[in-house]
Amino acid sequence: ADGTADGTASTASTAEHSVDDWLEAARVE
């Protein structure tokens, strides 16, 4: 849930986040 929320927020707020950044966040949570 946290990853999804963060990823959605990241996608909605800034377009420069890449897929690699999202995957890194998913591993950390």
ModelCIF file with pLDDT and N, C-alpha, C, O atoms, coordinates in Angstrom:
data_MODEL
#
_entry.id   MODEL 
#
_entity.id                         1 
_entity.type                       polymer 
_entity.pdbx_number_of_molecules   1 
#
_entity_poly.entity_id                      1 
_entity_poly.type                           'polypeptide(L)' 
_entity_poly.nstd_linkage                   no 
_entity_poly.nstd_monomer                   no 
_entity_poly.pdbx_seq_one_letter_code       ADGTADGTASTASTAEHSVDDWLEAARVE 
_entity_poly.pdbx_seq_one_letter_code_can   ADGTADGTASTASTAEHSVDDWLEAARVE 
_entity_poly.pdbx_strand_id                 A 
#
loop_
_entity_poly_seq.entity_id 
_entity_poly_seq.num 
_entity_poly_seq.mon_id 
_entity_poly_seq.hetero 
1 1  ALA n 
1 2  ASP n 
1 3  GLY n 
1 4  THR n 
1 5  ALA n 
1 6  ASP n 
1 7  GLY n 
1 8  THR n 
1 9  ALA n 
1 10 SER n 
1 11 THR n 
1 12 ALA n 
1 13 SER n 
1 14 THR n 
1 15 ALA n 
1 16 GLU n 
1 17 HIS n 
1 18 SER n 
1 19 VAL n 
1 20 ASP n 
1 21 ASP n 
1 22 TRP n 
1 23 LEU n 
1 24 GLU n 
1 25 ALA n 
1 26 ALA n 
1 27 ARG n 
1 28 VAL n 
1 29 GLU n 
#
_struct_asym.id          A 
_struct_asym.entity_id   1 
#
loop_
_ma_qa_metric.id 
_ma_qa_metric.mode 
_ma_qa_metric.name 
_ma_qa_metric.software_group_id 
_ma_qa_metric.type 
1 global pLDDT . pLDDT 
2 local  pLDDT . pLDDT 
#
_ma_qa_metric_global.metric_id      1 
_ma_qa_metric_global.metric_value   46.00 
_ma_qa_metric_global.model_id       1 
_ma_qa_metric_global.ordinal_id     1 
#
loop_
_ma_qa_metric_local.label_asym_id 
_ma_qa_metric_local.label_comp_id 
_ma_qa_metric_local.label_seq_id 
_ma_qa_metric_local.metric_id 
_ma_qa_metric_local.metric_value 
_ma_qa_metric_local.model_id 
_ma_qa_metric_local.ordinal_id 
A ALA 1  2 42.00 1 1  
A ASP 2  2 47.00 1 2  
A GLY 3  2 44.00 1 3  
A THR 4  2 43.00 1 4  
A ALA 5  2 43.00 1 5  
A ASP 6  2 46.00 1 6  
A GLY 7  2 44.00 1 7  
A THR 8  2 42.00 1 8  
A ALA 9  2 40.00 1 9  
A SER 10 2 43.00 1 10 
A THR 11 2 42.00 1 11 
A ALA 12 2 43.00 1 12 
A SER 13 2 45.00 1 13 
A THR 14 2 44.00 1 14 
A ALA 15 2 41.00 1 15 
A GLU 16 2 44.00 1 16 
A HIS 17 2 47.00 1 17 
A SER 18 2 49.00 1 18 
A VAL 19 2 46.00 1 19 
A ASP 20 2 53.00 1 20 
A ASP 21 2 54.00 1 21 
A TRP 22 2 43.00 1 22 
A LEU 23 2 46.00 1 23 
A GLU 24 2 52.00 1 24 
A ALA 25 2 51.00 1 25 
A ALA 26 2 48.00 1 26 
A ARG 27 2 52.00 1 27 
A VAL 28 2 49.00 1 28 
A GLU 29 2 51.00 1 29 
#
loop_
_atom_site.group_PDB 
_atom_site.id 
_atom_site.type_symbol 
_atom_site.label_atom_id 
_atom_site.label_alt_id 
_atom_site.label_comp_id 
_atom_site.label_asym_id 
_atom_site.label_entity_id 
_atom_site.label_seq_id 
_atom_site.pdbx_PDB_ins_code 
_atom_site.Cartn_x 
_atom_site.Cartn_y 
_atom_site.Cartn_z 
_atom_site.occupancy 
_atom_site.B_iso_or_equiv 
_atom_site.pdbx_formal_charge 
_atom_site.auth_seq_id 
_atom_site.auth_comp_id 
_atom_site.auth_asym_id 
_atom_site.auth_atom_id 
_atom_site.pdbx_PDB_model_num 
ATOM 1   N N  . ALA A 1 1  ? 0.826  -1.206 0.000   1.00 42.00 ? 1  ALA A N  1 
ATOM 2   C CA . ALA A 1 1  ? 0.000  0.000  0.000   1.00 42.00 ? 1  ALA A CA 1 
ATOM 3   C C  . ALA A 1 1  ? 0.849  1.240  0.000   1.00 42.00 ? 1  ALA A C  1 
ATOM 4   O O  . ALA A 1 1  ? 0.603  2.199  -0.731  1.00 42.00 ? 1  ALA A O  1 
ATOM 5   N N  . ASP A 1 2  ? 1.890  1.192  0.869   1.00 47.00 ? 2  ASP A N  1 
ATOM 6   C CA . ASP A 1 2  ? 2.772  2.347  0.933   1.00 47.00 ? 2  ASP A CA 1 
ATOM 7   C C  . ASP A 1 2  ? 3.474  2.579  -0.398  1.00 47.00 ? 2  ASP A C  1 
ATOM 8   O O  . ASP A 1 2  ? 3.587  3.699  -0.895  1.00 47.00 ? 2  ASP A O  1 
ATOM 9   N N  . GLY A 1 3  ? 3.954  1.431  -0.964  1.00 44.00 ? 3  GLY A N  1 
ATOM 10  C CA . GLY A 1 3  ? 4.678  1.564  -2.258  1.00 44.00 ? 3  GLY A CA 1 
ATOM 11  C C  . GLY A 1 3  ? 3.774  2.062  -3.347  1.00 44.00 ? 3  GLY A C  1 
ATOM 12  O O  . GLY A 1 3  ? 4.152  2.894  -4.172  1.00 44.00 ? 3  GLY A O  1 
ATOM 13  N N  . THR A 1 4  ? 2.553  1.528  -3.335  1.00 43.00 ? 4  THR A N  1 
ATOM 14  C CA . THR A 1 4  ? 1.617  1.963  -4.379  1.00 43.00 ? 4  THR A CA 1 
ATOM 15  C C  . THR A 1 4  ? 1.280  3.418  -4.245  1.00 43.00 ? 4  THR A C  1 
ATOM 16  O O  . THR A 1 4  ? 1.254  4.169  -5.220  1.00 43.00 ? 4  THR A O  1 
ATOM 17  N N  . ALA A 1 5  ? 1.015  3.813  -2.977  1.00 43.00 ? 5  ALA A N  1 
ATOM 18  C CA . ALA A 1 5  ? 0.688  5.216  -2.760  1.00 43.00 ? 5  ALA A CA 1 
ATOM 19  C C  . ALA A 1 5  ? 1.817  6.126  -3.145  1.00 43.00 ? 5  ALA A C  1 
ATOM 20  O O  . ALA A 1 5  ? 1.625  7.167  -3.773  1.00 43.00 ? 5  ALA A O  1 
ATOM 21  N N  . ASP A 1 6  ? 3.046  5.694  -2.737  1.00 46.00 ? 6  ASP A N  1 
ATOM 22  C CA . ASP A 1 6  ? 4.220  6.524  -3.047  1.00 46.00 ? 6  ASP A CA 1 
ATOM 23  C C  . ASP A 1 6  ? 4.445  6.598  -4.544  1.00 46.00 ? 6  ASP A C  1 
ATOM 24  O O  . ASP A 1 6  ? 4.737  7.645  -5.121  1.00 46.00 ? 6  ASP A O  1 
ATOM 25  N N  . GLY A 1 7  ? 4.288  5.387  -5.158  1.00 44.00 ? 7  GLY A N  1 
ATOM 26  C CA . GLY A 1 7  ? 4.533  5.358  -6.638  1.00 44.00 ? 7  GLY A CA 1 
ATOM 27  C C  . GLY A 1 7  ? 3.526  6.214  -7.362  1.00 44.00 ? 7  GLY A C  1 
ATOM 28  O O  . GLY A 1 7  ? 3.868  6.929  -8.304  1.00 44.00 ? 7  GLY A O  1 
ATOM 29  N N  . THR A 1 8  ? 2.285  6.143  -6.924  1.00 42.00 ? 8  THR A N  1 
ATOM 30  C CA . THR A 1 8  ? 1.237  6.950  -7.580  1.00 42.00 ? 8  THR A CA 1 
ATOM 31  C C  . THR A 1 8  ? 1.514  8.419  -7.368  1.00 42.00 ? 8  THR A C  1 
ATOM 32  O O  . THR A 1 8  ? 1.395  9.233  -8.283  1.00 42.00 ? 8  THR A O  1 
ATOM 33  N N  . ALA A 1 9  ? 1.895  8.750  -6.110  1.00 40.00 ? 9  ALA A N  1 
ATOM 34  C CA . ALA A 1 9  ? 2.210  10.141 -5.821  1.00 40.00 ? 9  ALA A CA 1 
ATOM 35  C C  . ALA A 1 9  ? 3.370  10.631 -6.658  1.00 40.00 ? 9  ALA A C  1 
ATOM 36  O O  . ALA A 1 9  ? 3.387  11.747 -7.178  1.00 40.00 ? 9  ALA A O  1 
ATOM 37  N N  . SER A 1 10 ? 4.397  9.681  -6.768  1.00 43.00 ? 10 SER A N  1 
ATOM 38  C CA . SER A 1 10 ? 5.590  10.078 -7.546  1.00 43.00 ? 10 SER A CA 1 
ATOM 39  C C  . SER A 1 10 ? 5.224  10.316 -9.006  1.00 43.00 ? 10 SER A C  1 
ATOM 40  O O  . SER A 1 10 ? 5.688  11.270 -9.632  1.00 43.00 ? 10 SER A O  1 
ATOM 41  N N  . THR A 1 11 ? 4.388  9.436  -9.532  1.00 42.00 ? 11 THR A N  1 
ATOM 42  C CA . THR A 1 11 ? 4.001  9.567  -10.949 1.00 42.00 ? 11 THR A CA 1 
ATOM 43  C C  . THR A 1 11 ? 3.177  10.804 -11.170 1.00 42.00 ? 11 THR A C  1 
ATOM 44  O O  . THR A 1 11 ? 3.324  11.505 -12.171 1.00 42.00 ? 11 THR A O  1 
ATOM 45  N N  . ALA A 1 12 ? 2.271  11.072 -10.176 1.00 43.00 ? 12 ALA A N  1 
ATOM 46  C CA . ALA A 1 12 ? 1.414  12.235 -10.339 1.00 43.00 ? 12 ALA A CA 1 
ATOM 47  C C  . ALA A 1 12 ? 2.151  13.525 -10.134 1.00 43.00 ? 12 ALA A C  1 
ATOM 48  O O  . ALA A 1 12 ? 1.826  14.515 -10.790 1.00 43.00 ? 12 ALA A O  1 
ATOM 49  N N  . SER A 1 13 ? 3.125  13.566 -9.261  1.00 45.00 ? 13 SER A N  1 
ATOM 50  C CA . SER A 1 13 ? 3.787  14.822 -8.932  1.00 45.00 ? 13 SER A CA 1 
ATOM 51  C C  . SER A 1 13 ? 4.926  15.169 -9.877  1.00 45.00 ? 13 SER A C  1 
ATOM 52  O O  . SER A 1 13 ? 5.136  16.331 -10.226 1.00 45.00 ? 13 SER A O  1 
ATOM 53  N N  . THR A 1 14 ? 5.634  14.167 -10.270 1.00 44.00 ? 14 THR A N  1 
ATOM 54  C CA . THR A 1 14 ? 6.800  14.449 -11.129 1.00 44.00 ? 14 THR A CA 1 
ATOM 55  C C  . THR A 1 14 ? 6.967  13.336 -12.122 1.00 44.00 ? 14 THR A C  1 
ATOM 56  O O  . THR A 1 14 ? 6.818  12.169 -11.758 1.00 44.00 ? 14 THR A O  1 
ATOM 57  N N  . ALA A 1 15 ? 7.253  13.627 -13.290 1.00 41.00 ? 15 ALA A N  1 
ATOM 58  C CA . ALA A 1 15 ? 7.382  12.664 -14.383 1.00 41.00 ? 15 ALA A CA 1 
ATOM 59  C C  . ALA A 1 15 ? 8.769  12.152 -14.517 1.00 41.00 ? 15 ALA A C  1 
ATOM 60  O O  . ALA A 1 15 ? 9.015  11.157 -15.198 1.00 41.00 ? 15 ALA A O  1 
ATOM 61  N N  . GLU A 1 16 ? 9.747  12.869 -13.827 1.00 44.00 ? 16 GLU A N  1 
ATOM 62  C CA . GLU A 1 16 ? 11.111 12.441 -14.045 1.00 44.00 ? 16 GLU A CA 1 
ATOM 63  C C  . GLU A 1 16 ? 11.482 11.193 -13.307 1.00 44.00 ? 16 GLU A C  1 
ATOM 64  O O  . GLU A 1 16 ? 12.543 10.627 -13.569 1.00 44.00 ? 16 GLU A O  1 
ATOM 65  N N  . HIS A 1 17 ? 10.579 10.691 -12.306 1.00 47.00 ? 17 HIS A N  1 
ATOM 66  C CA . HIS A 1 17 ? 10.944 9.438  -11.618 1.00 47.00 ? 17 HIS A CA 1 
ATOM 67  C C  . HIS A 1 17 ? 10.921 8.323  -12.627 1.00 47.00 ? 17 HIS A C  1 
ATOM 68  O O  . HIS A 1 17 ? 10.006 8.194  -13.441 1.00 47.00 ? 17 HIS A O  1 
ATOM 69  N N  . SER A 1 18 ? 11.936 7.538  -12.546 1.00 49.00 ? 18 SER A N  1 
ATOM 70  C CA . SER A 1 18 ? 12.043 6.398  -13.465 1.00 49.00 ? 18 SER A CA 1 
ATOM 71  C C  . SER A 1 18 ? 11.553 5.134  -12.823 1.00 49.00 ? 18 SER A C  1 
ATOM 72  O O  . SER A 1 18 ? 11.295 5.119  -11.620 1.00 49.00 ? 18 SER A O  1 
ATOM 73  N N  . VAL A 1 19 ? 11.418 4.093  -13.568 1.00 46.00 ? 19 VAL A N  1 
ATOM 74  C CA . VAL A 1 19 ? 10.996 2.769  -13.059 1.00 46.00 ? 19 VAL A CA 1 
ATOM 75  C C  . VAL A 1 19 ? 11.978 2.241  -12.061 1.00 46.00 ? 19 VAL A C  1 
ATOM 76  O O  . VAL A 1 19 ? 11.583 1.573  -11.106 1.00 46.00 ? 19 VAL A O  1 
ATOM 77  N N  . ASP A 1 20 ? 13.232 2.512  -12.245 1.00 53.00 ? 20 ASP A N  1 
ATOM 78  C CA . ASP A 1 20 ? 14.262 2.007  -11.307 1.00 53.00 ? 20 ASP A CA 1 
ATOM 79  C C  . ASP A 1 20 ? 14.071 2.596  -9.917  1.00 53.00 ? 20 ASP A C  1 
ATOM 80  O O  . ASP A 1 20 ? 14.264 1.923  -8.905  1.00 53.00 ? 20 ASP A O  1 
ATOM 81  N N  . ASP A 1 21 ? 13.679 3.894  -9.890  1.00 54.00 ? 21 ASP A N  1 
ATOM 82  C CA . ASP A 1 21 ? 13.458 4.502  -8.574  1.00 54.00 ? 21 ASP A CA 1 
ATOM 83  C C  . ASP A 1 21 ? 12.303 3.835  -7.852  1.00 54.00 ? 21 ASP A C  1 
ATOM 84  O O  . ASP A 1 21 ? 12.358 3.619  -6.642  1.00 54.00 ? 21 ASP A O  1 
ATOM 85  N N  . TRP A 1 22 ? 11.283 3.519  -8.578  1.00 43.00 ? 22 TRP A N  1 
ATOM 86  C CA . TRP A 1 22 ? 10.095 2.883  -7.951  1.00 43.00 ? 22 TRP A CA 1 
ATOM 87  C C  . TRP A 1 22 ? 10.420 1.507  -7.425  1.00 43.00 ? 22 TRP A C  1 
ATOM 88  O O  . TRP A 1 22 ? 9.980  1.113  -6.344  1.00 43.00 ? 22 TRP A O  1 
ATOM 89  N N  . LEU A 1 23 ? 11.220 0.760  -8.229  1.00 46.00 ? 23 LEU A N  1 
ATOM 90  C CA . LEU A 1 23 ? 11.628 -0.583 -7.796  1.00 46.00 ? 23 LEU A CA 1 
ATOM 91  C C  . LEU A 1 23 ? 12.481 -0.512 -6.536  1.00 46.00 ? 23 LEU A C  1 
ATOM 92  O O  . LEU A 1 23 ? 12.357 -1.365 -5.657  1.00 46.00 ? 23 LEU A O  1 
ATOM 93  N N  . GLU A 1 24 ? 13.341 0.490  -6.438  1.00 52.00 ? 24 GLU A N  1 
ATOM 94  C CA . GLU A 1 24 ? 14.185 0.633  -5.246  1.00 52.00 ? 24 GLU A CA 1 
ATOM 95  C C  . GLU A 1 24 ? 13.342 0.881  -4.019  1.00 52.00 ? 24 GLU A C  1 
ATOM 96  O O  . GLU A 1 24 ? 13.597 0.339  -2.944  1.00 52.00 ? 24 GLU A O  1 
ATOM 97  N N  . ALA A 1 25 ? 12.299 1.737  -4.204  1.00 51.00 ? 25 ALA A N  1 
ATOM 98  C CA . ALA A 1 25 ? 11.396 2.010  -3.075  1.00 51.00 ? 25 ALA A CA 1 
ATOM 99  C C  . ALA A 1 25 ? 10.642 0.770  -2.659  1.00 51.00 ? 25 ALA A C  1 
ATOM 100 O O  . ALA A 1 25 ? 10.403 0.538  -1.474  1.00 51.00 ? 25 ALA A O  1 
ATOM 101 N N  . ALA A 1 26 ? 10.258 -0.046 -3.671  1.00 48.00 ? 26 ALA A N  1 
ATOM 102 C CA . ALA A 1 26 ? 9.531  -1.283 -3.343  1.00 48.00 ? 26 ALA A CA 1 
ATOM 103 C C  . ALA A 1 26 ? 10.384 -2.249 -2.542  1.00 48.00 ? 26 ALA A C  1 
ATOM 104 O O  . ALA A 1 26 ? 9.877  -2.965 -1.679  1.00 48.00 ? 26 ALA A O  1 
ATOM 105 N N  . ARG A 1 27 ? 11.706 -2.269 -2.832  1.00 52.00 ? 27 ARG A N  1 
ATOM 106 C CA . ARG A 1 27 ? 12.607 -3.153 -2.076  1.00 52.00 ? 27 ARG A CA 1 
ATOM 107 C C  . ARG A 1 27 ? 12.809 -2.648 -0.643  1.00 52.00 ? 27 ARG A C  1 
ATOM 108 O O  . ARG A 1 27 ? 12.933 -3.450 0.283   1.00 52.00 ? 27 ARG A O  1 
ATOM 109 N N  . VAL A 1 28 ? 12.842 -1.360 -0.461  1.00 49.00 ? 28 VAL A N  1 
ATOM 110 C CA . VAL A 1 28 ? 13.123 -0.798 0.871   1.00 49.00 ? 28 VAL A CA 1 
ATOM 111 C C  . VAL A 1 28 ? 11.923 -0.984 1.812   1.00 49.00 ? 28 VAL A C  1 
ATOM 112 O O  . VAL A 1 28 ? 12.118 -1.302 2.985   1.00 49.00 ? 28 VAL A O  1 
ATOM 113 N N  . GLU A 1 29 ? 10.698 -0.797 1.330   1.00 51.00 ? 29 GLU A N  1 
ATOM 114 C CA . GLU A 1 29 ? 9.519  -0.828 2.216   1.00 51.00 ? 29 GLU A CA 1 
ATOM 115 C C  . GLU A 1 29 ? 9.261  -2.185 2.836   1.00 51.00 ? 29 GLU A C  1 
ATOM 116 O O  . GLU A 1 29 ? 8.306  -2.345 3.596   1.00 51.00 ? 29 GLU A O  1 
#
